[in-house]
C-alpha atoms as a PDB file:
ATOM      1  CA  MET A   1      36.084 -39.838 -11.633  1.00  0.00           C
ATOM      2  CA  THR A   2      32.603 -41.361 -12.477  1.00  0.00           C
ATOM      3  CA  LEU A   3      30.091 -41.393  -9.974  1.00  0.00           C
ATOM      4  CA  PRO A   4      26.470 -42.364 -10.607  1.00  0.00           C
ATOM      5  CA  LYS A   5      24.575 -39.329 -10.768  1.00  0.00           C
ATOM      6  CA  LEU A   6      20.880 -39.050 -11.619  1.00  0.00           C
ATOM      7  CA  THR A   7      19.673 -38.784 -15.194  1.00  0.00           C
ATOM      8  CA  GLY A   8      17.919 -34.365 -16.441  1.00  0.00           C
ATOM      9  CA  ALA A   9      14.603 -35.719 -16.333  1.00  0.00           C
ATOM     10  CA  GLN A  10      15.063 -37.031 -12.696  1.00  0.00           C
ATOM     11  CA  ILE A  11      16.528 -33.988 -11.272  1.00  0.00           C
ATOM     12  CA  ALA A  12      13.757 -31.909 -12.786  1.00  0.00           C
ATOM     13  CA  TRP A  13      12.013 -34.620 -10.778  1.00  0.00           C
ATOM     14  CA  ARG A  14      13.080 -33.971  -7.949  1.00  0.00           C
ATOM     15  CA  ALA A  15      12.804 -30.317  -8.395  1.00  0.00           C
ATOM     16  CA  ALA A  16       8.980 -30.768  -9.211  1.00  0.00           C
ATOM     17  CA  GLN A  17       8.583 -32.942  -5.530  1.00  0.00           C
ATOM     18  CA  ASP A  18       9.069 -29.487  -3.795  1.00  0.00           C
ATOM     19  CA  ILE A  19       7.205 -26.920  -5.824  1.00  0.00           C
ATOM     20  CA  GLU A  20       4.426 -25.991  -3.609  1.00  0.00           C
ATOM     21  CA  ASP A  21       0.434 -26.683  -3.857  1.00  0.00           C
ATOM     22  CA  GLY A  22      -0.752 -22.704  -5.608  1.00  0.00           C
ATOM     23  CA  ALA A  23       2.021 -21.614  -6.824  1.00  0.00           C
ATOM     24  CA  TYR A  24       2.719 -19.329  -9.581  1.00  0.00           C
ATOM     25  CA  VAL A  25       6.216 -20.819 -10.733  1.00  0.00           C
ATOM     26  CA  ASN A  26       8.433 -19.691 -13.796  1.00  0.00           C
ATOM     27  CA  LEU A  27      10.609 -22.868 -15.695  1.00  0.00           C
ATOM     28  CA  GLY A  28      13.654 -21.528 -17.720  1.00  0.00           C
ATOM     29  CA  ILE A  29      14.841 -22.204 -20.676  1.00  0.00           C
ATOM     30  CA  GLY A  30      16.489 -25.752 -21.098  1.00  0.00           C
ATOM     31  CA  LEU A  31      16.391 -28.223 -18.641  1.00  0.00           C
ATOM     32  CA  PRO A  32      14.065 -26.119 -15.955  1.00  0.00           C
ATOM     33  CA  GLU A  33      11.681 -26.599 -18.809  1.00  0.00           C
ATOM     34  CA  ARG A  34      11.110 -30.512 -18.276  1.00  0.00           C
ATOM     35  CA  ILE A  35       9.340 -29.517 -14.428  1.00  0.00           C
ATOM     36  CA  ALA A  36       6.039 -29.369 -15.988  1.00  0.00           C
ATOM     37  CA  GLN A  37       5.612 -32.653 -16.809  1.00  0.00           C
ATOM     38  CA  PHE A  38       6.733 -34.655 -13.114  1.00  0.00           C
ATOM     39  CA  GLN A  39       3.657 -32.415 -11.794  1.00  0.00           C
ATOM     40  CA  PRO A  40       2.793 -33.794  -8.226  1.00  0.00           C
ATOM     41  CA  GLU A  41      -0.395 -35.871  -8.843  1.00  0.00           C
ATOM     42  CA  GLY A  42      -3.247 -33.385  -6.504  1.00  0.00           C
ATOM     43  CA  ARG A  43      -1.050 -30.552  -6.758  1.00  0.00           C
ATOM     44  CA  THR A  44      -2.039 -27.409  -8.718  1.00  0.00           C
ATOM     45  CA  VAL A  45       0.462 -24.794  -9.729  1.00  0.00           C
ATOM     46  CA  THR A  46       0.709 -22.178 -12.375  1.00  0.00           C
ATOM     47  CA  TYR A  47       3.149 -21.673 -14.873  1.00  0.00           C
ATOM     48  CA  HIS A  48       4.440 -18.705 -16.186  1.00  0.00           C
ATOM     49  CA  THR A  49       6.308 -18.168 -19.398  1.00  0.00           C
ATOM     50  CA  GLU A  50       8.032 -14.217 -20.662  1.00  0.00           C
ATOM     51  CA  ASN A  51       6.270 -14.904 -23.729  1.00  0.00           C
ATOM     52  CA  GLY A  52       3.014 -14.715 -22.379  1.00  0.00           C
ATOM     53  CA  VAL A  53       0.984 -17.232 -21.041  1.00  0.00           C
ATOM     54  CA  LEU A  54       0.404 -18.238 -17.639  1.00  0.00           C
ATOM     55  CA  GLY A  55      -1.144 -22.063 -16.969  1.00  0.00           C
ATOM     56  CA  PHE A  56       1.132 -23.960 -19.528  1.00  0.00           C
ATOM     57  CA  GLY A  57       1.055 -27.433 -18.939  1.00  0.00           C
ATOM     58  CA  ASP A  58       3.451 -30.226 -20.682  1.00  0.00           C
ATOM     59  CA  ALA A  59       4.331 -30.540 -24.085  1.00  0.00           C
ATOM     60  CA  PRO A  60       1.589 -31.929 -26.127  1.00  0.00           C
ATOM     61  CA  ALA A  61       2.644 -35.879 -27.404  1.00  0.00           C
ATOM     62  CA  PRO A  62       4.202 -35.608 -30.841  1.00  0.00           C
ATOM     63  CA  GLY A  63       2.182 -34.708 -33.723  1.00  0.00           C
ATOM     64  CA  GLN A  64      -0.108 -32.897 -32.173  1.00  0.00           C
ATOM     65  CA  GLU A  65       1.886 -29.408 -31.285  1.00  0.00           C
ATOM     66  CA  ASP A  66       0.287 -26.076 -32.213  1.00  0.00           C
ATOM     67  CA  TRP A  67       3.551 -24.165 -32.624  1.00  0.00           C
ATOM     68  CA  ASP A  68       1.312 -21.155 -32.098  1.00  0.00           C
ATOM     69  CA  LEU A  69       1.284 -21.754 -28.649  1.00  0.00           C
ATOM     70  CA  ILE A  70       4.993 -21.933 -27.067  1.00  0.00           C
ATOM     71  CA  ASN A  71       6.926 -20.865 -24.245  1.00  0.00           C
ATOM     72  CA  ALA A  72      10.323 -18.759 -24.322  1.00  0.00           C
ATOM     73  CA  GLY A  73      12.326 -21.098 -25.176  1.00  0.00           C
ATOM     74  CA  LYS A  74      10.148 -22.196 -28.050  1.00  0.00           C
ATOM     75  CA  LYS A  75       9.223 -25.473 -27.527  1.00  0.00           C
ATOM     76  CA  ALA A  76       5.821 -27.189 -28.232  1.00  0.00           C
ATOM     77  CA  ILE A  77       3.187 -26.041 -24.763  1.00  0.00           C
ATOM     78  CA  THR A  78      -0.713 -27.396 -24.072  1.00  0.00           C
ATOM     79  CA  ILE A  79      -3.067 -25.108 -22.000  1.00  0.00           C
ATOM     80  CA  LYS A  80      -5.863 -25.950 -19.365  1.00  0.00           C
ATOM     81  CA  PRO A  81      -8.786 -24.228 -18.911  1.00  0.00           C
ATOM     82  CA  GLY A  82      -8.676 -20.812 -17.041  1.00  0.00           C
ATOM     83  CA  ALA A  83      -4.859 -20.006 -18.955  1.00  0.00           C
ATOM     84  CA  SER A  84      -4.304 -16.369 -19.978  1.00  0.00           C
ATOM     85  CA  PHE A  85      -2.394 -14.581 -23.013  1.00  0.00           C
ATOM     86  CA  PHE A  86      -0.476 -11.746 -22.777  1.00  0.00           C
ATOM     87  CA  ASN A  87       1.798  -9.011 -24.399  1.00  0.00           C
ATOM     88  CA  HIS A  88       5.632  -8.929 -22.923  1.00  0.00           C
ATOM     89  CA  ALA A  89       5.138  -5.807 -21.005  1.00  0.00           C
ATOM     90  CA  ASP A  90       2.565  -7.106 -18.980  1.00  0.00           C
ATOM     91  CA  SER A  91       4.053 -11.070 -18.334  1.00  0.00           C
ATOM     92  CA  PHE A  92       7.143  -8.605 -17.191  1.00  0.00           C
ATOM     93  CA  ALA A  93       5.207  -6.763 -14.791  1.00  0.00           C
ATOM     94  CA  MET A  94       4.098 -10.127 -13.289  1.00  0.00           C
ATOM     95  CA  VAL A  95       7.865 -11.191 -13.055  1.00  0.00           C
ATOM     96  CA  ARG A  96       8.877  -7.238 -11.642  1.00  0.00           C
ATOM     97  CA  GLY A  97       5.982  -6.962  -9.637  1.00  0.00           C
ATOM     98  CA  GLY A  98       7.225  -9.834  -7.354  1.00  0.00           C
ATOM     99  CA  HIS A  99       3.593 -12.033  -8.746  1.00  0.00           C
ATOM    100  CA  LEU A 100       5.563 -15.044  -8.826  1.00  0.00           C
ATOM    101  CA  ASP A 101       6.351 -17.333  -5.796  1.00  0.00           C
ATOM    102  CA  LEU A 102       9.301 -18.980  -8.015  1.00  0.00           C
ATOM    103  CA  ALA A 103      11.463 -19.249 -11.027  1.00  0.00           C
ATOM    104  CA  VAL A 104      13.883 -22.366 -11.504  1.00  0.00           C
ATOM    105  CA  LEU A 105      16.589 -21.430 -13.713  1.00  0.00           C
ATOM    106  CA  GLY A 106      19.691 -22.903 -15.496  1.00  0.00           C
ATOM    107  CA  ALA A 107      22.980 -22.016 -14.824  1.00  0.00           C
ATOM    108  CA  TYR A 108      26.430 -21.871 -15.864  1.00  0.00           C
ATOM    109  CA  GLN A 109      28.036 -21.294 -12.451  1.00  0.00           C
ATOM    110  CA  VAL A 110      26.441 -20.147  -8.529  1.00  0.00           C
ATOM    111  CA  ALA A 111      28.283 -19.135  -5.994  1.00  0.00           C
ATOM    112  CA  GLU A 112      28.882 -20.097  -2.292  1.00  0.00           C
ATOM    113  CA  ASN A 113      26.713 -16.842  -1.157  1.00  0.00           C
ATOM    114  CA  GLY A 114      23.458 -17.669  -3.999  1.00  0.00           C
ATOM    115  CA  ASP A 115      25.557 -15.232  -7.269  1.00  0.00           C
ATOM    116  CA  LEU A 116      24.489 -16.767 -10.215  1.00  0.00           C
ATOM    117  CA  ALA A 117      25.652 -16.603 -13.537  1.00  0.00           C
ATOM    118  CA  ASN A 118      23.192 -18.815 -16.556  1.00  0.00           C
ATOM    119  CA  TRP A 119      24.492 -16.731 -19.641  1.00  0.00           C
ATOM    120  CA  SER A 120      27.359 -16.043 -21.665  1.00  0.00           C
ATOM    121  CA  VAL A 121      28.729 -14.500 -25.282  1.00  0.00           C
ATOM    122  CA  GLY A 122      30.607 -16.129 -27.566  1.00  0.00           C
ATOM    123  CA  SER A 123      30.194 -18.783 -30.563  1.00  0.00           C
ATOM    124  CA  LYS A 124      28.362 -21.208 -28.348  1.00  0.00           C
ATOM    125  CA  GLY A 125      26.899 -18.001 -26.192  1.00  0.00           C
ATOM    126  CA  VAL A 126      23.254 -16.297 -26.283  1.00  0.00           C
ATOM    127  CA  PRO A 127      23.175 -12.273 -27.062  1.00  0.00           C
ATOM    128  CA  ALA A 128      21.555 -11.145 -24.651  1.00  0.00           C
ATOM    129  CA  VAL A 129      21.297 -12.698 -20.614  1.00  0.00           C
ATOM    130  CA  GLY A 130      17.495 -12.420 -21.731  1.00  0.00           C
ATOM    131  CA  GLY A 131      14.372 -12.567 -18.941  1.00  0.00           C
ATOM    132  CA  ALA A 132      16.786 -14.394 -16.189  1.00  0.00           C
ATOM    133  CA  MET A 133      17.777 -11.061 -15.262  1.00  0.00           C
ATOM    134  CA  ASP A 134      14.330  -9.837 -14.638  1.00  0.00           C
ATOM    135  CA  LEU A 135      13.029 -13.192 -13.206  1.00  0.00           C
ATOM    136  CA  VAL A 136      16.148 -13.693 -10.295  1.00  0.00           C
ATOM    137  CA  HIS A 137      15.139 -10.766  -9.346  1.00  0.00           C
ATOM    138  CA  GLY A 138      11.218 -11.224  -8.742  1.00  0.00           C
ATOM    139  CA  ALA A 139      10.494 -14.229  -7.965  1.00  0.00           C
ATOM    140  CA  LYS A 140      10.041 -14.827  -3.995  1.00  0.00           C
ATOM    141  CA  ARG A 141      12.362 -17.583  -4.958  1.00  0.00           C
ATOM    142  CA  VAL A 142      14.807 -19.315  -7.045  1.00  0.00           C
ATOM    143  CA  ALA A 143      15.553 -22.524  -7.377  1.00  0.00           C
ATOM    144  CA  VAL A 144      18.603 -24.152 -10.111  1.00  0.00           C
ATOM    145  CA  ILE A 145      18.479 -27.387 -11.427  1.00  0.00           C
ATOM    146  CA  THR A 146      21.874 -27.835 -13.145  1.00  0.00           C
ATOM    147  CA  ASP A 147      24.106 -31.490 -13.833  1.00  0.00           C
ATOM    148  CA  HIS A 148      27.059 -30.731 -10.701  1.00  0.00           C
ATOM    149  CA  VAL A 149      30.078 -30.378 -13.326  1.00  0.00           C
ATOM    150  CA  THR A 150      30.571 -29.098 -16.073  1.00  0.00           C
ATOM    151  CA  LYS A 151      30.809 -31.615 -19.425  1.00  0.00           C
ATOM    152  CA  ASP A 152      34.833 -31.830 -19.276  1.00  0.00           C
ATOM    153  CA  GLY A 153      34.342 -32.362 -15.553  1.00  0.00           C
ATOM    154  CA  LYS A 154      35.096 -28.900 -13.832  1.00  0.00           C
ATOM    155  CA  PRO A 155      32.587 -27.474 -11.012  1.00  0.00           C
ATOM    156  CA  LYS A 156      29.833 -25.802 -11.741  1.00  0.00           C
ATOM    157  CA  LEU A 157      28.891 -24.498  -7.610  1.00  0.00           C
ATOM    158  CA  MET A 158      32.121 -22.293  -6.989  1.00  0.00           C
ATOM    159  CA  ARG A 159      33.506 -20.117  -4.008  1.00  0.00           C
ATOM    160  CA  GLU A 160      32.718 -17.097  -6.240  1.00  0.00           C
ATOM    161  CA  CYS A 161      31.776 -17.030 -10.015  1.00  0.00           C
ATOM    162  CA  THR A 162      33.703 -16.257 -12.871  1.00  0.00           C
ATOM    163  CA  LEU A 163      30.923 -15.443 -16.292  1.00  0.00           C
ATOM    164  CA  PRO A 164      28.944 -12.784 -16.686  1.00  0.00           C
ATOM    165  CA  LEU A 165      26.754 -12.576 -13.926  1.00  0.00           C
ATOM    166  CA  THR A 166      22.290 -12.846 -13.936  1.00  0.00           C
ATOM    167  CA  GLY A 167      22.110 -11.955 -10.146  1.00  0.00           C
ATOM    168  CA  LYS A 168      23.905 -11.832  -7.064  1.00  0.00           C
ATOM    169  CA  ALA A 169      22.735 -13.808  -4.047  1.00  0.00           C
ATOM    170  CA  CYS A 170      19.464 -14.288  -5.661  1.00  0.00           C
ATOM    171  CA  VAL A 171      19.767 -18.445  -5.229  1.00  0.00           C
ATOM    172  CA  THR A 172      18.355 -19.743  -2.459  1.00  0.00           C
ATOM    173  CA  ARG A 173      18.089 -23.606  -3.385  1.00  0.00           C
ATOM    174  CA  ILE A 174      20.642 -26.208  -6.010  1.00  0.00           C
ATOM    175  CA  TYR A 175      18.603 -29.796  -7.476  1.00  0.00           C
ATOM    176  CA  THR A 176      21.813 -31.490  -8.903  1.00  0.00           C
ATOM    177  CA  SER A 177      23.327 -34.704 -11.384  1.00  0.00           C
ATOM    178  CA  LEU A 178      24.203 -35.584  -7.216  1.00  0.00           C
ATOM    179  CA  ALA A 179      22.749 -33.688  -4.728  1.00  0.00           C
ATOM    180  CA  VAL A 180      20.525 -31.670  -3.080  1.00  0.00           C
ATOM    181  CA  LEU A 181      21.718 -28.501  -1.905  1.00  0.00           C
ATOM    182  CA  ASP A 182      20.412 -24.920   0.171  1.00  0.00           C
ATOM    183  CA  ILE A 183      22.625 -22.264   0.574  1.00  0.00           C
ATOM    184  CA  THR A 184      22.640 -20.467   3.412  1.00  0.00           C
ATOM    185  CA  PRO A 185      25.112 -18.174   5.552  1.00  0.00           C
ATOM    186  CA  MET A 186      27.753 -20.802   5.699  1.00  0.00           C
ATOM    187  CA  GLY A 187      27.847 -21.816   2.242  1.00  0.00           C
ATOM    188  CA  PHE A 188      26.511 -24.937   0.765  1.00  0.00           C
ATOM    189  CA  VAL A 189      24.731 -26.846   3.340  1.00  0.00           C
ATOM    190  CA  LEU A 190      24.034 -30.043   1.228  1.00  0.00           C
ATOM    191  CA  ARG A 191      20.328 -32.001   2.548  1.00  0.00           C
ATOM    192  CA  GLU A 192      20.647 -35.530  -0.013  1.00  0.00           C
ATOM    193  CA  LYS A 193      23.110 -37.112  -2.004  1.00  0.00           C
ATOM    194  CA  VAL A 194      23.171 -39.686  -4.824  1.00  0.00           C
ATOM    195  CA  PRO A 195      23.444 -43.490  -3.167  1.00  0.00           C
ATOM    196  CA  GLY A 196      26.661 -44.567  -3.619  1.00  0.00           C
ATOM    197  CA  VAL A 197      27.941 -41.023  -3.801  1.00  0.00           C
ATOM    198  CA  SER A 198      30.856 -40.172  -0.564  1.00  0.00           C
ATOM    199  CA  PHE A 199      30.870 -36.696   0.836  1.00  0.00           C
ATOM    200  CA  ASP A 200      34.419 -36.887   0.044  1.00  0.00           C
ATOM    201  CA  GLN A 201      33.653 -37.355  -3.684  1.00  0.00           C
ATOM    202  CA  LEU A 202      31.450 -34.797  -3.538  1.00  0.00           C
ATOM    203  CA  GLN A 203      33.713 -31.900  -2.426  1.00  0.00           C
ATOM    204  CA  THR A 204      36.427 -33.025  -4.853  1.00  0.00           C
ATOM    205  CA  VAL A 205      33.335 -31.954  -7.532  1.00  0.00           C
ATOM    206  CA  THR A 206      32.646 -28.873  -5.785  1.00  0.00           C
ATOM    207  CA  GLY A 207      34.759 -26.253  -5.979  1.00  0.00           C
ATOM    208  CA  ALA A 208      33.284 -24.505  -2.721  1.00  0.00           C
ATOM    209  CA  PRO A 209      33.155 -25.954   1.123  1.00  0.00           C
ATOM    210  CA  LEU A 210      29.804 -28.736   1.304  1.00  0.00           C
ATOM    211  CA  HIS A 211      28.929 -27.892   5.151  1.00  0.00           C
ATOM    212  CA  ILE A 212      26.787 -30.561   7.037  1.00  0.00           C
ATOM    213  CA  ASP A 213      23.611 -29.380   9.461  1.00  0.00           C
ATOM    214  CA  GLU A 214      21.356 -31.563   9.763  1.00  0.00           C
ATOM    215  CA  THR A 215      21.000 -35.779   8.328  1.00  0.00           C
ATOM    216  CA  VAL A 216      21.783 -36.220   4.759  1.00  0.00           C
ATOM    217  CA  GLN A 217      19.203 -38.007   2.910  1.00  0.00           C
ATOM    218  CA  ASP A 218      19.775 -40.264   0.322  1.00  0.00           C
ATOM    219  CA  LEU A 219      18.405 -38.619  -3.661  1.00  0.00           C
ATOM    220  CA  LYS A 220      16.241 -40.973  -4.885  1.00  0.00           C
ATOM    221  CA  ALA A 221      14.766 -40.914  -8.491  1.00  0.00           C
ATOM    222  CA  PRO A 222      12.483 -43.347  -9.943  1.00  0.00           C
ATOM    223  CA  GLU A 223      13.425 -43.807 -13.849  1.00  0.00           C
ATOM    224  CA  VAL A 224      11.143 -41.065 -15.536  1.00  0.00           C
END
C-alpha cells in the first residue's frame, strides 16, 4: 500500500515546531540531527551533543566545514555565541543530572506503552547502545522521529518491541512520516495525520490500536 507521506526533512520540521522557547535539547544521530536547521524564528533553543558541545547551530554550508566542530554523529556543526565545550564526563553528568528538557531520538520500534528500541547489533547494527540509554532516562521528556514503517513496510509502532530495548516507558510523543501521536495510558493517541491518509489506512500500517480522544488535525509541512 502506497500512502502519501512526509519526507525526512518535513518530519524534522514538524518536530522542531513543538520545541519550547528556552529549552535545552539533545538531538540523536541521524534524522533528529536535522531538527536544528528548522528552529522557528525568534525561538531560543540550546542544543547539546554527547561529545561535548552546548550551544551549536545548523550545519555549515558545503565547503565551510571546520572538522574540529562536530556532533555525536560526526556531522559538521556551527557554533552559536556563548557556546561551551567540555569532556564526555561532564556531558553525561548534564544528561544524567536531569538538565536536558528534551531528547529527540530515532527508532527501530516504539511500543504502545512508550518502550523504545533504537539500537541493534549485527552486520547492519552498531556495537553498543551509545548515549541513548542515558538520554531516555536523564532527559525530562523524550520524543521520537521516524518513518512510520520499515523499508519493507512493516510497522515500527507496535504493541511490544521485539528488538533490544533502549529504555522502558520513556517516549511521550512520536513524529512519523504519516502522523503525530502521543503515548498515553490508552496507548497510541492520534493527534495529526497526513491529509489523504484515512484512519483505517493508518491503522493498517500500525502494529497496535490507535485511539482518538479529540479532533485529529491535518499534518501539513512546507516543502523543505
